[in-house]
Amino acid sequence: MKFKITLAAIFIFLLSSCAGQVSGFTPTPVVAEAGDQNQVRFEAGQTPAEWQPAPFQFTLPTPGAEPVSGWRPPLYPIPWAMSPYDHFYFARPIAADNVNWPLAEYRYGGVFFAPDIVHTGVDIDALTSTPILAAGPGTVVSADWGLYTEAPGNQADPYGQAVVVRHDFGYNGQDLFTVYAHMSEIIAVAGQHVETGDLLGLVGDTGATTGPHLHFEIRLGRNAFYNTFNPELWTAPPQGWGVLVGRVMDEKNKLLNQVKVEVRPMPYELPVRTVRTYGTGAVNPDPYYQENLVLSDLPAGLYKVTLVYNEKEQQTWVEIFPGQVSYFTFAGMDGFEVRRPSVPTLEVLPVAPPATLTPLP
């Protein structure tokens, strides 16, 4: 019975449709709108059979610059080291809800103001008044103008308003310091003990800057300009991400300065990351890696590493592992080698973590 009723209903519907046409009504065409240019309509006196639609058109957006994502996974807990030669002891000095990794052109060892002025830290882009946080526990030993000139209150100092923390732990029996420069406001005071994440001051553009940012340094042994090391080898990477470290030389093992190196994730090779080898001056390689290139915050995976030597492109492939350092060397015409350095001599051999995180008096 239900089946018969359904057929009857369909039959009545078809009859009513035909009756509408017989009585002179023209049904409105059911079509999708595509803007005024391609609007589907019948002209006066035109039948559906005579109507010809406009050619289907669409416009591809013009490709823009590769977007810069502000997202990063949480950092590994500190201290973090999957090798006895690593020392990721510090958290980021800018909170995770802000950009907190180095600007591509303002890494450690870069040269951008003059041929003989090398960058002794990393610059982290941030808005004015962004909170600056202690990267580890320690005591504030300086909170003033005049860090570079060693003249407290000197408002012509290139570091601007800066804070220095001497940490509660050291490395190989030596003191560790972190430097936070170009502040708009200093909040910490000399002699204050701080814990990881405590507020030290606010981002600014005091001193020799071209805009607001945080200049962040790691100093080992002494709180001195010539005792800096690359912060990207001391701050914990995001979880699941790793760090690329390289030593780029000619075939006579002479270090090559300011060589542009491109790092491309496979298989799509985008986004391209660019890093340059260290310039000459007040920079120091890690005792184990003896590097002149560091690129952190790389998601785990396979990467193609490319540089130009003697006007010829040279390339190799390096795998990045979660929470680890991946290492390569380039030796001119002898090419690339992808393996960790040999075991260091006893004079520079570090003690396996966490024993290297030694409390200091």
Protein backbone atom coordinates (compact mmCIF):
# COMPACT_ATOMS: atom_id res chain seq x y z
CA MET A 1 0.00 0.00 0.00
CA LYS A 2 2.79 2.43 0.86
CA PHE A 3 4.48 1.70 -2.46
CA LYS A 4 1.29 2.51 -4.41
CA ILE A 5 0.79 5.78 -2.54
CA THR A 6 4.32 6.85 -3.39
CA LEU A 7 3.86 6.21 -7.10
CA ALA A 8 0.61 8.12 -7.05
CA ALA A 9 2.24 11.11 -5.41
CA ILE A 10 5.00 11.20 -8.03
CA PHE A 11 2.46 10.96 -10.84
CA ILE A 12 0.44 13.90 -9.44
CA PHE A 13 3.63 15.99 -9.12
CA LEU A 14 4.57 15.36 -12.77
CA LEU A 15 1.09 16.30 -13.94
CA SER A 16 1.21 19.58 -12.00
CA SER A 17 4.59 20.42 -13.54
CA CYS A 18 3.29 19.84 -17.06
CA ALA A 19 0.21 21.92 -16.30
CA GLY A 20 2.43 24.83 -15.32
CA GLN A 21 4.17 24.74 -18.68
CA VAL A 22 0.95 24.39 -20.63
CA SER A 23 -0.54 27.43 -18.90
CA GLY A 24 2.38 29.57 -20.16
CA PHE A 25 4.61 29.78 -17.11
CA THR A 26 8.37 29.60 -17.76
CA PRO A 27 10.26 27.93 -14.90
CA THR A 28 13.09 29.88 -13.34
CA PRO A 29 16.39 28.14 -14.26
CA VAL A 30 18.17 26.64 -11.26
CA VAL A 31 21.83 27.66 -11.72
CA ALA A 32 24.73 28.75 -9.53
CA GLU A 33 25.68 32.41 -9.54
CA ALA A 34 29.24 33.21 -10.50
CA GLY A 35 29.33 36.99 -10.28
CA ASP A 36 27.94 39.63 -12.62
CA GLN A 37 30.26 38.70 -15.49
CA ASN A 38 29.12 35.08 -15.63
CA GLN A 39 25.57 35.52 -14.33
CA VAL A 40 23.37 32.82 -15.85
CA ARG A 41 20.20 34.29 -17.39
CA PHE A 42 17.99 34.03 -20.48
CA GLU A 43 17.65 37.01 -22.76
CA ALA A 44 14.19 38.07 -23.88
CA GLY A 45 12.77 35.57 -26.38
CA GLN A 46 15.68 33.15 -25.92
CA THR A 47 14.93 29.51 -25.23
CA PRO A 48 17.07 27.28 -23.03
CA ALA A 49 18.33 25.44 -26.09
CA GLU A 50 19.63 28.70 -27.61
CA TRP A 51 21.37 29.92 -24.46
CA GLN A 52 25.16 29.61 -24.42
CA PRO A 53 26.91 30.10 -21.06
CA ALA A 54 29.96 32.33 -20.81
CA PRO A 55 33.24 30.40 -20.73
CA PHE A 56 34.10 29.22 -17.23
CA GLN A 57 36.80 31.44 -15.75
CA PHE A 58 38.77 31.58 -12.52
CA THR A 59 41.76 33.56 -11.34
CA LEU A 60 44.59 32.04 -9.35
CA PRO A 61 45.82 34.29 -6.52
CA THR A 62 49.26 35.76 -6.97
CA PRO A 63 51.67 33.71 -4.82
CA GLY A 64 52.84 35.76 -1.87
CA ALA A 65 55.81 35.42 0.42
CA GLU A 66 56.08 32.25 2.44
CA PRO A 67 54.08 32.92 5.63
CA VAL A 68 56.00 33.03 8.87
CA SER A 69 54.22 30.84 11.38
CA GLY A 70 54.30 31.92 14.98
CA TRP A 71 53.57 28.39 16.11
CA ARG A 72 56.22 26.32 17.82
CA PRO A 73 55.82 23.14 19.87
CA PRO A 74 56.61 23.37 23.58
CA LEU A 75 60.32 23.31 24.37
CA TYR A 76 62.04 20.25 25.74
CA PRO A 77 62.41 20.49 29.52
CA ILE A 78 65.71 21.97 30.60
CA PRO A 79 68.42 20.89 31.02
CA TRP A 80 68.10 18.83 27.83
CA ALA A 81 70.79 16.79 26.12
CA MET A 82 70.65 13.55 24.13
CA SER A 83 74.42 13.54 23.74
CA PRO A 84 77.12 13.98 26.39
CA TYR A 85 78.47 16.87 24.31
CA ASP A 86 75.28 18.94 24.17
CA HIS A 87 74.14 21.58 26.66
CA PHE A 88 70.62 22.84 26.08
CA TYR A 89 70.41 24.42 29.52
CA PHE A 90 68.23 27.46 28.87
CA ALA A 91 64.62 28.29 28.10
CA ARG A 92 63.68 30.97 25.57
CA PRO A 93 63.79 34.51 26.99
CA ILE A 94 60.55 35.36 25.14
CA ALA A 95 57.36 33.44 25.98
CA ALA A 96 56.00 30.82 23.59
CA ASP A 97 52.93 32.90 22.68
CA ASN A 98 55.28 35.32 20.87
CA VAL A 99 57.89 34.87 18.17
CA ASN A 100 60.82 33.52 20.18
CA TRP A 101 63.41 32.30 17.72
CA PRO A 102 66.28 34.24 16.10
CA LEU A 103 65.76 36.52 13.14
CA ALA A 104 67.20 34.82 10.06
CA GLU A 105 69.65 37.60 9.23
CA TYR A 106 70.66 38.37 12.82
CA ARG A 107 72.13 35.15 14.11
CA TYR A 108 75.30 34.61 16.05
CA GLY A 109 78.40 35.40 14.01
CA GLY A 110 76.58 37.54 11.46
CA VAL A 111 78.12 40.70 10.03
CA PHE A 112 75.70 43.48 9.10
CA PHE A 113 76.82 46.86 10.44
CA ALA A 114 80.42 46.97 9.23
CA PRO A 115 83.00 44.51 7.89
CA ASP A 116 84.71 44.24 11.27
CA ILE A 117 81.69 44.11 13.61
CA VAL A 118 80.44 40.59 14.24
CA HIS A 119 77.21 39.72 16.06
CA THR A 120 77.84 38.16 19.46
CA GLY A 121 74.29 36.96 20.14
CA VAL A 122 70.95 36.33 18.49
CA ASP A 123 68.23 38.90 17.89
CA ILE A 124 64.63 37.93 18.61
CA ASP A 125 61.97 40.08 16.95
CA ALA A 126 59.33 41.31 19.39
CA LEU A 127 57.02 44.23 19.92
CA THR A 128 57.93 47.03 22.28
CA SER A 129 57.06 46.16 25.91
CA THR A 130 57.00 42.40 25.29
CA PRO A 131 58.08 40.74 28.58
CA ILE A 132 61.68 39.48 28.72
CA LEU A 133 62.07 36.39 30.89
CA ALA A 134 65.03 34.84 32.67
CA ALA A 135 66.33 31.89 30.64
CA GLY A 136 67.43 30.07 33.79
CA PRO A 137 67.83 30.50 37.54
CA GLY A 138 70.54 32.82 38.77
CA THR A 139 71.50 36.17 40.24
CA VAL A 140 71.23 39.49 38.44
CA VAL A 141 74.77 40.92 38.37
CA SER A 142 74.03 43.94 36.16
CA ALA A 143 70.87 45.93 35.38
CA ASP A 144 71.74 49.28 33.82
CA TRP A 145 73.07 51.15 30.81
CA GLY A 146 76.75 50.81 29.93
CA LEU A 147 77.30 47.04 29.59
CA TYR A 148 79.67 47.24 26.60
CA THR A 149 81.56 50.33 27.69
CA GLU A 150 81.64 49.13 31.31
CA ALA A 151 80.41 52.59 32.30
CA PRO A 152 77.17 52.32 34.33
CA GLY A 153 74.61 54.90 33.28
CA ASN A 154 76.19 55.49 29.86
CA GLN A 155 73.16 56.05 27.63
CA ALA A 156 75.35 56.00 24.51
CA ASP A 157 76.20 52.34 25.11
CA PRO A 158 75.34 50.11 22.10
CA TYR A 159 73.64 47.51 24.32
CA GLY A 160 71.20 50.13 25.61
CA GLN A 161 69.46 49.12 28.81
CA ALA A 162 70.61 45.58 29.58
CA VAL A 163 70.42 42.88 32.25
CA VAL A 164 73.03 40.19 32.94
CA VAL A 165 72.27 37.04 34.96
CA ARG A 166 74.99 34.85 36.48
CA HIS A 167 73.42 31.41 36.66
CA ASP A 168 73.30 29.00 39.56
CA PHE A 169 75.06 26.36 37.46
CA GLY A 170 78.11 26.39 35.26
CA TYR A 171 79.74 24.36 32.50
CA ASN A 172 83.02 22.52 32.97
CA GLY A 173 83.63 24.44 36.18
CA GLN A 174 83.12 27.86 34.55
CA ASP A 175 80.46 30.48 35.21
CA LEU A 176 77.58 30.88 32.77
CA PHE A 177 75.96 34.26 32.06
CA THR A 178 73.02 35.33 29.93
CA VAL A 179 72.66 38.87 28.53
CA TYR A 180 69.38 40.63 27.64
CA ALA A 181 69.86 43.92 25.79
CA HIS A 182 67.99 46.89 24.20
CA MET A 183 65.29 46.96 26.88
CA SER A 184 62.73 49.75 27.00
CA GLU A 185 62.46 49.24 30.76
CA ILE A 186 64.53 47.30 33.28
CA ILE A 187 62.48 45.64 36.00
CA ALA A 188 65.02 43.36 37.70
CA VAL A 189 67.59 44.86 40.05
CA ALA A 190 71.22 43.97 40.65
CA GLY A 191 71.61 41.35 43.38
CA GLN A 192 68.13 39.89 42.83
CA HIS A 193 67.83 36.11 42.52
CA VAL A 194 65.55 35.02 39.68
CA GLU A 195 64.04 31.72 38.59
CA THR A 196 63.44 30.52 35.05
CA GLY A 197 60.66 32.61 33.53
CA ASP A 198 60.88 35.52 35.98
CA LEU A 199 60.38 38.97 34.48
CA LEU A 200 63.60 40.90 33.86
CA GLY A 201 62.37 43.80 31.75
CA LEU A 202 60.55 44.81 28.58
CA VAL A 203 61.57 44.72 24.93
CA GLY A 204 62.69 48.04 23.49
CA ASP A 205 65.06 49.69 21.03
CA THR A 206 67.58 51.42 23.28
CA GLY A 207 71.20 51.38 22.16
CA ALA A 208 72.42 50.57 18.65
CA THR A 209 69.27 49.14 17.07
CA THR A 210 67.11 49.61 13.99
CA GLY A 211 63.90 48.64 15.80
CA PRO A 212 62.53 46.91 18.89
CA HIS A 213 63.93 43.44 19.56
CA LEU A 214 65.78 41.41 22.18
CA HIS A 215 69.51 40.82 21.81
CA PHE A 216 70.31 37.61 23.72
CA GLU A 217 73.80 36.33 24.56
CA ILE A 218 75.43 33.38 26.28
CA ARG A 219 78.76 34.08 28.01
CA LEU A 220 81.00 31.38 29.44
CA GLY A 221 83.84 31.85 31.90
CA ARG A 222 83.60 35.63 32.24
CA ASN A 223 80.96 38.29 31.80
CA ALA A 224 82.90 39.75 28.87
CA PHE A 225 82.25 40.70 25.24
CA TYR A 226 84.82 38.20 23.93
CA ASN A 227 83.43 35.24 25.91
CA THR A 228 80.24 34.64 23.94
CA PHE A 229 79.00 31.36 22.43
CA ASN A 230 76.13 30.62 20.08
CA PRO A 231 72.83 30.73 22.04
CA GLU A 232 71.23 28.31 19.57
CA LEU A 233 73.45 25.58 21.03
CA TRP A 234 72.43 26.46 24.59
CA THR A 235 68.64 26.99 24.42
CA ALA A 236 66.32 23.99 24.28
CA PRO A 237 64.76 23.24 20.87
CA PRO A 238 61.01 22.71 20.45
CA GLN A 239 59.82 19.15 21.05
CA GLY A 240 60.17 17.01 17.95
CA TRP A 241 62.52 19.51 16.31
CA GLY A 242 66.30 19.54 16.05
CA VAL A 243 69.39 21.65 15.34
CA LEU A 244 71.72 21.68 12.34
CA VAL A 245 75.39 22.41 13.05
CA GLY A 246 78.11 22.70 10.42
CA ARG A 247 81.78 23.45 9.89
CA VAL A 248 82.42 24.93 6.44
CA MET A 249 86.05 25.02 5.24
CA ASP A 250 88.16 24.90 2.12
CA GLU A 251 90.19 21.81 1.20
CA LYS A 252 93.04 23.07 3.41
CA ASN A 253 90.68 23.12 6.42
CA LYS A 254 90.61 26.91 6.56
CA LEU A 255 87.25 28.18 7.82
CA LEU A 256 85.14 30.01 5.23
CA ASN A 257 83.45 33.15 6.52
CA GLN A 258 80.02 34.47 5.63
CA VAL A 259 79.20 31.66 3.19
CA LYS A 260 75.50 31.52 2.38
CA VAL A 261 74.00 28.09 3.06
CA GLU A 262 70.45 27.11 2.05
CA VAL A 263 68.56 24.40 3.92
CA ARG A 264 65.50 22.92 2.17
CA PRO A 265 63.07 20.36 3.64
CA MET A 266 62.45 17.39 1.38
CA PRO A 267 60.63 16.59 -0.81
CA TYR A 268 58.99 19.96 -1.52
CA GLU A 269 62.05 22.14 -0.67
CA LEU A 270 59.87 24.83 0.93
CA PRO A 271 60.24 26.88 2.99
CA VAL A 272 63.89 27.63 2.24
CA ARG A 273 65.93 28.56 5.30
CA THR A 274 69.11 30.55 4.86
CA VAL A 275 72.03 30.82 7.26
CA ARG A 276 75.57 32.20 6.87
CA THR A 277 78.78 30.94 8.37
CA TYR A 278 80.33 33.05 11.12
CA GLY A 279 82.27 36.19 10.37
CA THR A 280 85.63 36.86 11.99
CA GLY A 281 85.95 38.59 15.33
CA ALA A 282 84.49 38.11 18.79
CA VAL A 283 82.83 34.74 18.19
CA ASN A 284 83.75 31.36 19.62
CA PRO A 285 82.94 27.84 18.40
CA ASP A 286 81.68 25.15 20.71
CA PRO A 287 84.60 23.15 22.22
CA TYR A 288 83.21 19.92 20.74
CA TYR A 289 81.58 20.89 17.46
CA GLN A 290 84.09 23.59 16.42
CA GLU A 291 81.28 24.90 14.23
CA ASN A 292 80.91 28.05 12.19
CA LEU A 293 77.21 27.57 11.41
CA VAL A 294 74.13 26.78 13.51
CA LEU A 295 70.49 26.63 12.41
CA SER A 296 68.00 25.66 15.12
CA ASP A 297 64.24 25.04 15.15
CA LEU A 298 64.10 22.55 12.28
CA PRO A 299 61.23 20.03 12.32
CA ALA A 300 62.54 16.47 12.21
CA GLY A 301 62.98 15.15 8.67
CA LEU A 302 65.29 15.06 5.67
CA TYR A 303 66.87 18.29 4.40
CA LYS A 304 68.99 19.27 1.41
CA VAL A 305 71.94 21.51 2.29
CA THR A 306 73.31 23.66 -0.53
CA LEU A 307 76.17 26.16 -0.85
CA VAL A 308 78.30 27.60 -3.64
CA TYR A 309 82.04 26.96 -3.67
CA ASN A 310 84.35 28.02 -6.51
CA GLU A 311 81.25 29.14 -8.42
CA LYS A 312 79.81 25.62 -8.34
CA GLU A 313 76.79 24.50 -6.35
CA GLN A 314 77.58 21.84 -3.76
CA GLN A 315 74.92 19.87 -1.92
CA THR A 316 74.30 17.07 0.53
CA TRP A 317 71.40 15.66 2.52
CA VAL A 318 71.12 15.71 6.30
CA GLU A 319 68.51 14.12 8.51
CA ILE A 320 67.27 16.13 11.49
CA PHE A 321 66.29 14.09 14.54
CA PRO A 322 63.97 15.21 17.39
CA GLY A 323 65.83 17.00 20.17
CA GLN A 324 69.26 16.33 18.67
CA VAL A 325 72.12 18.01 16.88
CA SER A 326 72.81 16.89 13.31
CA TYR A 327 76.33 17.71 12.15
CA PHE A 328 78.10 18.08 8.82
CA THR A 329 81.43 19.35 7.53
CA PHE A 330 82.34 20.77 4.15
CA ALA A 331 85.96 20.80 3.06
CA GLY A 332 86.10 22.50 -0.33
CA MET A 333 86.81 20.16 -3.21
CA ASP A 334 86.77 17.25 -0.76
CA GLY A 335 83.04 17.84 -0.38
CA PHE A 336 80.65 17.08 2.46
CA GLU A 337 80.80 14.63 5.31
CA VAL A 338 77.77 13.98 7.49
CA ARG A 339 78.84 12.61 10.86
CA ARG A 340 79.58 13.85 14.34
CA PRO A 341 83.08 15.05 15.25
CA SER A 342 85.49 12.52 16.67
CA VAL A 343 85.63 12.10 20.44
CA PRO A 344 87.40 15.16 21.88
CA THR A 345 90.58 14.96 23.89
CA LEU A 346 90.48 14.85 27.67
CA GLU A 347 91.31 18.56 27.86
CA VAL A 348 87.91 19.51 26.39
CA LEU A 349 85.82 16.43 27.18
CA PRO A 350 82.65 17.50 29.00
CA VAL A 351 81.03 15.38 31.68
CA ALA A 352 77.75 13.80 30.61
CA PRO A 353 74.63 15.75 31.68
CA PRO A 354 73.26 16.38 34.17
CA ALA A 355 76.65 16.34 35.88
CA THR A 356 77.77 19.25 33.67
CA LEU A 357 75.03 21.35 35.26
CA THR A 358 77.24 21.94 38.28
CA PRO A 359 76.13 24.27 41.07
CA LEU A 360 78.42 27.20 41.66
CA PRO A 361 79.06 28.99 44.95
